[in-house]
Every structure is written in C-alpha cells, then in structure tokens.
PDB file of N, CA and C in Angstrom:
ATOM      1  N   MET A   1      78.035 220.199  66.400  1.00  0.00           N
ATOM      2  CA  MET A   1      79.376 219.884  66.839  1.00  0.00           C
ATOM      3  C   MET A   1      79.519 218.361  66.939  1.00  0.00           C
ATOM      4  N   LYS A   2      80.590 217.839  66.389  1.00  0.00           N
ATOM      5  CA  LYS A   2      80.840 216.401  66.446  1.00  0.00           C
ATOM      6  C   LYS A   2      81.696 216.072  67.653  1.00  0.00           C
ATOM      7  N   LYS A   3      81.383 214.919  68.255  1.00  0.00           N
ATOM      8  CA  LYS A   3      82.211 214.421  69.352  1.00  0.00           C
ATOM      9  C   LYS A   3      82.108 212.909  69.417  1.00  0.00           C
ATOM     10  N   VAL A   4      83.057 212.312  70.110  1.00  0.00           N
ATOM     11  CA  VAL A   4      83.066 210.869  70.314  1.00  0.00           C
ATOM     12  C   VAL A   4      82.004 210.533  71.362  1.00  0.00           C
ATOM     13  N   LEU A   5      81.328 209.414  71.181  1.00  0.00           N
ATOM     14  CA  LEU A   5      80.227 209.034  72.061  1.00  0.00           C
ATOM     15  C   LEU A   5      80.611 209.077  73.541  1.00  0.00           C
ATOM     16  N   ASN A   6      81.774 208.561  73.876  1.00  0.00           N
ATOM     17  CA  ASN A   6      82.139 208.516  75.296  1.00  0.00           C
ATOM     18  C   ASN A   6      82.497 209.887  75.868  1.00  0.00           C
ATOM     19  N   GLN A   7      82.481 210.938  75.045  1.00  0.00           N
ATOM     20  CA  GLN A   7      82.710 212.304  75.530  1.00  0.00           C
ATOM     21  C   GLN A   7      81.397 213.058  75.761  1.00  0.00           C
ATOM     22  N   MET A   8      80.277 212.423  75.459  1.00  0.00           N
ATOM     23  CA  MET A   8      78.987 213.075  75.681  1.00  0.00           C
ATOM     24  C   MET A   8      78.731 213.225  77.178  1.00  0.00           C
ATOM     25  N   LYS A   9      77.959 214.256  77.518  1.00  0.00           N
ATOM     26  CA  LYS A   9      77.597 214.503  78.903  1.00  0.00           C
ATOM     27  C   LYS A   9      76.314 213.759  79.257  1.00  0.00           C
ATOM     28  N   TYR A  10      76.082 213.606  80.558  1.00  0.00           N
ATOM     29  CA  TYR A  10      74.878 212.950  81.068  1.00  0.00           C
ATOM     30  C   TYR A  10      73.629 213.608  80.480  1.00  0.00           C
ATOM     31  N   LYS A  11      72.725 212.806  79.953  1.00  0.00           N
ATOM     32  CA  LYS A  11      71.451 213.207  79.337  1.00  0.00           C
ATOM     33  C   LYS A  11      71.602 213.967  78.025  1.00  0.00           C
ATOM     34  N   GLU A  12      72.813 214.064  77.504  1.00  0.00           N
ATOM     35  CA  GLU A  12      73.023 214.731  76.223  1.00  0.00           C
ATOM     36  C   GLU A  12      72.560 213.818  75.094  1.00  0.00           C
ATOM     37  N   LYS A  13      71.980 214.418  74.056  1.00  0.00           N
ATOM     38  CA  LYS A  13      71.500 213.660  72.902  1.00  0.00           C
ATOM     39  C   LYS A  13      72.318 214.030  71.674  1.00  0.00           C
ATOM     40  N   GLY A  14      72.440 213.080  70.785  1.00  0.00           N
ATOM     41  CA  GLY A  14      73.133 213.314  69.525  1.00  0.00           C
ATOM     42  C   GLY A  14      72.709 212.293  68.495  1.00  0.00           C
ATOM     43  N   ARG A  15      73.091 212.547  67.245  1.00  0.00           N
ATOM     44  CA  ARG A  15      72.783 211.636  66.143  1.00  0.00           C
ATOM     45  C   ARG A  15      74.091 211.007  65.675  1.00  0.00           C
ATOM     46  N   ILE A  16      74.086 209.696  65.514  1.00  0.00           N
ATOM     47  CA  ILE A  16      75.291 208.984  65.076  1.00  0.00           C
ATOM     48  C   ILE A  16      75.585 209.358  63.625  1.00  0.00           C
ATOM     49  N   VAL A  17      76.809 209.837  63.369  1.00  0.00           N
ATOM     50  CA  VAL A  17      77.193 210.227  62.013  1.00  0.00           C
ATOM     51  C   VAL A  17      78.307 209.353  61.440  1.00  0.00           C
ATOM     52  N   GLU A  18      78.998 208.628  62.315  1.00  0.00           N
ATOM     53  CA  GLU A  18      80.090 207.779  61.831  1.00  0.00           C
ATOM     54  C   GLU A  18      80.378 206.679  62.835  1.00  0.00           C
ATOM     55  N   ILE A  19      80.675 205.494  62.307  1.00  0.00           N
ATOM     56  CA  ILE A  19      81.185 204.381  63.116  1.00  0.00           C
ATOM     57  C   ILE A  19      82.481 203.978  62.436  1.00  0.00           C
ATOM     58  N   LYS A  20      83.579 204.101  63.139  1.00  0.00           N
ATOM     59  CA  LYS A  20      84.900 204.080  62.515  1.00  0.00           C
ATOM     60  C   LYS A  20      85.305 202.775  61.833  1.00  0.00           C
ATOM     61  N   THR A  21      84.992 201.627  62.406  1.00  0.00           N
ATOM     62  CA  THR A  21      85.449 200.376  61.803  1.00  0.00           C
ATOM     63  C   THR A  21      84.272 199.493  61.392  1.00  0.00           C
ATOM     64  N   ALA A  22      84.475 198.715  60.348  1.00  0.00           N
ATOM     65  CA  ALA A  22      83.424 197.824  59.846  1.00  0.00           C
ATOM     66  C   ALA A  22      83.057 196.772  60.892  1.00  0.00           C
ATOM     67  N   GLU A  23      84.039 196.289  61.626  1.00  0.00           N
ATOM     68  CA  GLU A  23      83.788 195.263  62.652  1.00  0.00           C
ATOM     69  C   GLU A  23      82.832 195.792  63.721  1.00  0.00           C
ATOM     70  N   VAL A  24      83.099 196.986  64.206  1.00  0.00           N
ATOM     71  CA  VAL A  24      82.231 197.593  65.223  1.00  0.00           C
ATOM     72  C   VAL A  24      80.873 197.930  64.612  1.00  0.00           C
ATOM     73  N   ARG A  25      80.862 198.429  63.387  1.00  0.00           N
ATOM     74  CA  ARG A  25      79.609 198.769  62.706  1.00  0.00           C
ATOM     75  C   ARG A  25      78.688 197.555  62.619  1.00  0.00           C
ATOM     76  N   GLU A  26      79.234 196.400  62.258  1.00  0.00           N
ATOM     77  CA  GLU A  26      78.432 195.170  62.164  1.00  0.00           C
ATOM     78  C   GLU A  26      77.889 194.750  63.522  1.00  0.00           C
ATOM     79  N   LYS A  27      78.731 194.820  64.545  1.00  0.00           N
ATOM     80  CA  LYS A  27      78.293 194.444  65.892  1.00  0.00           C
ATOM     81  C   LYS A  27      77.157 195.351  66.362  1.00  0.00           C
ATOM     82  N   LEU A  28      77.297 196.656  66.125  1.00  0.00           N
ATOM     83  CA  LEU A  28      76.280 197.613  66.555  1.00  0.00           C
ATOM     84  C   LEU A  28      74.981 197.471  65.759  1.00  0.00           C
ATOM     85  N   MET A  29      75.082 197.108  64.486  1.00  0.00           N
ATOM     86  CA  MET A  29      73.878 196.914  63.674  1.00  0.00           C
ATOM     87  C   MET A  29      72.997 195.821  64.262  1.00  0.00           C
ATOM     88  N   SER A  30      73.609 194.807  64.849  1.00  0.00           N
ATOM     89  CA  SER A  30      72.825 193.733  65.464  1.00  0.00           C
ATOM     90  C   SER A  30      72.107 194.215  66.722  1.00  0.00           C
ATOM     91  N   MET A  31      72.539 195.375  67.247  1.00  0.00           N
ATOM     92  CA  MET A  31      71.910 195.966  68.428  1.00  0.00           C
ATOM     93  C   MET A  31      71.003 197.133  68.032  1.00  0.00           C
ATOM     94  N   ASN A  32      70.755 197.289  66.725  1.00  0.00           N
ATOM     95  CA  ASN A  32      69.929 198.372  66.179  1.00  0.00           C
ATOM     96  C   ASN A  32      70.553 199.750  66.419  1.00  0.00           C
ATOM     97  N   ILE A  33      71.858 199.803  66.463  1.00  0.00           N
ATOM     98  CA  ILE A  33      72.588 201.061  66.597  1.00  0.00           C
ATOM     99  C   ILE A  33      73.277 201.301  65.262  1.00  0.00           C
ATOM    100  N   ARG A  34      72.796 202.322  64.540  1.00  0.00           N
ATOM    101  CA  ARG A  34      73.269 202.585  63.183  1.00  0.00           C
ATOM    102  C   ARG A  34      73.509 204.074  62.975  1.00  0.00           C
ATOM    103  N   ILE A  35      74.208 204.396  61.901  1.00  0.00           N
ATOM    104  CA  ILE A  35      74.375 205.787  61.497  1.00  0.00           C
ATOM    105  C   ILE A  35      72.998 206.380  61.246  1.00  0.00           C
ATOM    106  N   GLY A  36      72.778 207.580  61.757  1.00  0.00           N
ATOM    107  CA  GLY A  36      71.501 208.264  61.603  1.00  0.00           C
ATOM    108  C   GLY A  36      70.581 208.129  62.809  1.00  0.00           C
ATOM    109  N   LYS A  37      70.850 207.181  63.687  1.00  0.00           N
ATOM    110  CA  LYS A  37      70.014 206.989  64.876  1.00  0.00           C
ATOM    111  C   LYS A  37      70.357 208.020  65.947  1.00  0.00           C
ATOM    112  N   GLU A  38      69.327 208.442  66.693  1.00  0.00           N
ATOM    113  CA  GLU A  38      69.552 209.343  67.811  1.00  0.00           C
ATOM    114  C   GLU A  38      69.933 208.523  69.040  1.00  0.00           C
ATOM    115  N   VAL A  39      70.911 209.029  69.780  1.00  0.00           N
ATOM    116  CA  VAL A  39      71.407 208.346  70.966  1.00  0.00           C
ATOM    117  C   VAL A  39      71.405 209.334  72.135  1.00  0.00           C
ATOM    118  N   LYS A  40      71.111 208.818  73.318  1.00  0.00           N
ATOM    119  CA  LYS A  40      71.111 209.639  74.526  1.00  0.00           C
ATOM    120  C   LYS A  40      72.036 208.993  75.550  1.00  0.00           C
ATOM    121  N   MET A  41      72.934 209.797  76.126  1.00  0.00           N
ATOM    122  CA  MET A  41      73.848 209.295  77.150  1.00  0.00           C
ATOM    123  C   MET A  41      73.089 209.176  78.471  1.00  0.00           C
ATOM    124  N   LEU A  42      73.090 208.004  79.061  1.00  0.00           N
ATOM    125  CA  LEU A  42      72.418 207.785  80.342  1.00  0.00           C
ATOM    126  C   LEU A  42      73.389 207.789  81.510  1.00  0.00           C
ATOM    127  N   ALA A  43      74.545 207.180  81.326  1.00  0.00           N
ATOM    128  CA  ALA A  43      75.520 207.113  82.427  1.00  0.00           C
ATOM    129  C   ALA A  43      76.889 206.713  81.893  1.00  0.00           C
ATOM    130  N   LYS A  44      77.919 207.169  82.596  1.00  0.00           N
ATOM    131  CA  LYS A  44      79.290 206.754  82.315  1.00  0.00           C
ATOM    132  C   LYS A  44      79.880 206.242  83.610  1.00  0.00           C
ATOM    133  N   GLN A  45      80.426 205.055  83.577  1.00  0.00           N
ATOM    134  CA  GLN A  45      81.038 204.472  84.759  1.00  0.00           C
ATOM    135  C   GLN A  45      82.480 204.957  84.882  1.00  0.00           C
ATOM    136  N   PRO A  46      82.958 205.147  86.099  1.00  0.00           N
ATOM    137  CA  PRO A  46      84.334 205.617  86.291  1.00  0.00           C
ATOM    138  C   PRO A  46      85.359 204.538  85.952  1.00  0.00           C
ATOM    139  N   LEU A  47      86.584 204.982  85.823  1.00  0.00           N
ATOM    140  CA  LEU A  47      87.727 204.078  85.623  1.00  0.00           C
ATOM    141  C   LEU A  47      87.575 203.196  84.392  1.00  0.00           C
ATOM    142  N   LYS A  48      87.220 203.796  83.284  1.00  0.00           N
ATOM    143  CA  LYS A  48      87.120 203.112  81.990  1.00  0.00           C
ATOM    144  C   LYS A  48      86.024 202.062  81.956  1.00  0.00           C
ATOM    145  N   GLY A  49      85.000 202.234  82.775  1.00  0.00           N
ATOM    146  CA  GLY A  49      83.857 201.333  82.769  1.00  0.00           C
ATOM    147  C   GLY A  49      82.960 201.613  81.582  1.00  0.00           C
ATOM    148  N   PRO A  50      81.892 200.854  81.426  1.00  0.00           N
ATOM    149  CA  PRO A  50      81.016 201.011  80.267  1.00  0.00           C
ATOM    150  C   PRO A  50      80.199 202.300  80.317  1.00  0.00           C
ATOM    151  N   VAL A  51      79.668 202.675  79.144  1.00  0.00           N
ATOM    152  CA  VAL A  51      78.736 203.791  79.054  1.00  0.00           C
ATOM    153  C   VAL A  51      77.341 203.207  78.801  1.00  0.00           C
ATOM    154  N   ALA A  52      76.341 203.800  79.414  1.00  0.00           N
ATOM    155  CA  ALA A  52      74.957 203.370  79.219  1.00  0.00           C
ATOM    156  C   ALA A  52      74.289 204.386  78.300  1.00  0.00           C
ATOM    157  N   ILE A  53      73.633 203.894  77.249  1.00  0.00           N
ATOM    158  CA  ILE A  53      72.983 204.764  76.282  1.00  0.00           C
ATOM    159  C   ILE A  53      71.559 204.299  76.020  1.00  0.00           C
ATOM    160  N   GLU A  54      70.791 205.177  75.388  1.00  0.00           N
ATOM    161  CA  GLU A  54      69.435 204.836  74.973  1.00  0.00           C
ATOM    162  C   GLU A  54      69.316 205.127  73.479  1.00  0.00           C
ATOM    163  N   VAL A  55      68.807 204.160  72.735  1.00  0.00           N
ATOM    164  CA  VAL A  55      68.548 204.299  71.307  1.00  0.00           C
ATOM    165  C   VAL A  55      67.141 203.780  71.064  1.00  0.00           C
ATOM    166  N   GLU A  56      66.263 204.640  70.571  1.00  0.00           N
ATOM    167  CA  GLU A  56      64.867 204.278  70.302  1.00  0.00           C
ATOM    168  C   GLU A  56      64.203 203.600  71.502  1.00  0.00           C
ATOM    169  N   ASN A  57      64.291 204.217  72.648  1.00  0.00           N
ATOM    170  CA  ASN A  57      63.678 203.733  73.887  1.00  0.00           C
ATOM    171  C   ASN A  57      64.230 202.415  74.392  1.00  0.00           C
ATOM    172  N   ALA A  58      65.343 201.961  73.841  1.00  0.00           N
ATOM    173  CA  ALA A  58      66.001 200.746  74.311  1.00  0.00           C
ATOM    174  C   ALA A  58      67.324 201.134  74.958  1.00  0.00           C
ATOM    175  N   GLN A  59      67.560 200.637  76.154  1.00  0.00           N
ATOM    176  CA  GLN A  59      68.795 200.960  76.863  1.00  0.00           C
ATOM    177  C   GLN A  59      69.797 199.829  76.712  1.00  0.00           C
ATOM    178  N   THR A  60      71.057 200.212  76.565  1.00  0.00           N
ATOM    179  CA  THR A  60      72.130 199.230  76.458  1.00  0.00           C
ATOM    180  C   THR A  60      73.413 199.852  76.980  1.00  0.00           C
ATOM    181  N   SER A  61      74.400 199.038  77.196  1.00  0.00           N
ATOM    182  CA  SER A  61      75.699 199.567  77.601  1.00  0.00           C
ATOM    183  C   SER A  61      76.753 199.117  76.600  1.00  0.00           C
ATOM    184  N   LEU A  62      77.751 199.971  76.432  1.00  0.00           N
ATOM    185  CA  LEU A  62      78.850 199.710  75.508  1.00  0.00           C
ATOM    186  C   LEU A  62      80.166 199.903  76.243  1.00  0.00           C
ATOM    187  N   SER A  63      81.155 199.144  75.846  1.00  0.00           N
ATOM    188  CA  SER A  63      82.480 199.330  76.431  1.00  0.00           C
ATOM    189  C   SER A  63      83.053 200.663  75.956  1.00  0.00           C
ATOM    190  N   GLN A  64      83.998 201.173  76.696  1.00  0.00           N
ATOM    191  CA  GLN A  64      84.676 202.411  76.293  1.00  0.00           C
ATOM    192  C   GLN A  64      85.342 202.232  74.931  1.00  0.00           C
ATOM    193  N   GLU A  65      85.883 201.063  74.678  1.00  0.00           N
ATOM    194  CA  GLU A  65      86.555 200.786  73.401  1.00  0.00           C
ATOM    195  C   GLU A  65      85.592 200.952  72.227  1.00  0.00           C
ATOM    196  N   ILE A  66      84.386 200.430  72.350  1.00  0.00           N
ATOM    197  CA  ILE A  66      83.391 200.573  71.291  1.00  0.00           C
ATOM    198  C   ILE A  66      82.868 201.992  71.236  1.00  0.00           C
ATOM    199  N   ALA A  67      82.629 202.604  72.388  1.00  0.00           N
ATOM    200  CA  ALA A  67      82.116 203.978  72.424  1.00  0.00           C
ATOM    201  C   ALA A  67      83.064 204.959  71.743  1.00  0.00           C
ATOM    202  N   ARG A  68      84.368 204.687  71.800  1.00  0.00           N
ATOM    203  CA  ARG A  68      85.350 205.549  71.140  1.00  0.00           C
ATOM    204  C   ARG A  68      85.292 205.457  69.627  1.00  0.00           C
ATOM    205  N   GLN A  69      84.632 204.443  69.097  1.00  0.00           N
ATOM    206  CA  GLN A  69      84.521 204.258  67.652  1.00  0.00           C
ATOM    207  C   GLN A  69      83.306 204.967  67.044  1.00  0.00           C
ATOM    208  N   ILE A  70      82.442 205.536  67.890  1.00  0.00           N
ATOM    209  CA  ILE A  70      81.194 206.134  67.440  1.00  0.00           C
ATOM    210  C   ILE A  70      81.291 207.660  67.517  1.00  0.00           C
ATOM    211  N   ILE A  71      81.050 208.310  66.381  1.00  0.00           N
ATOM    212  CA  ILE A  71      81.064 209.772  66.306  1.00  0.00           C
ATOM    213  C   ILE A  71      79.625 210.259  66.213  1.00  0.00           C
ATOM    214  N   VAL A  72      79.270 211.232  67.051  1.00  0.00           N
ATOM    215  CA  VAL A  72      77.910 211.768  67.070  1.00  0.00           C
ATOM    216  C   VAL A  72      77.924 213.271  66.804  1.00  0.00           C
ATOM    217  N   GLU A  73      76.837 213.762  66.238  1.00  0.00           N
ATOM    218  CA  GLU A  73      76.602 215.192  66.053  1.00  0.00           C
ATOM    219  C   GLU A  73      75.651 215.616  67.147  1.00  0.00           C
ATOM    220  N   VAL A  74      76.070 216.543  68.004  1.00  0.00           N
ATOM    221  CA  VAL A  74      75.227 217.006  69.110  1.00  0.00           C
ATOM    222  C   VAL A  74      74.728 218.410  68.856  1.00  0.00           C
TER     223      VAL A  74
END
C-alpha cells in the first residue's frame, strides 16, 4: 500500500517509491534519502511540526512540506 511519508504511523517502515519534485529529490539525495531506501517513522510533532525518520541507521527530521513530497510503499 502506498502512502505519503507524513501519514506513516509511529515505528512503521516503508520503502521510498517516489519523490514528487526534482528540487526536493536533489535536497534529499544530499541526505542519503533516495528512491528505494527503507525509511522508518520515529516521531511526528503536533501542529505541522517536523517528522523524525530513520534511514540506514541515521536519524533526521524533515519538514511536513518535504514529507508530503515523499511516497512510500508500506
């Protein structure tokens, strides 16, 4: 089932299948976040705050705006 990254549940894992815009894709590539990588949701902050994720044992946070551009297969 495909869903937007910011719709994932706590501790849910998925594989990135699409990044909607080239601008976001380039920014994420510099963070080693690419199509085909497995991602795990660590936390979502309330009131449109950032989401915390883990990719290859590295933790990072993304804004809701960027998280909405990432489609994952769960």
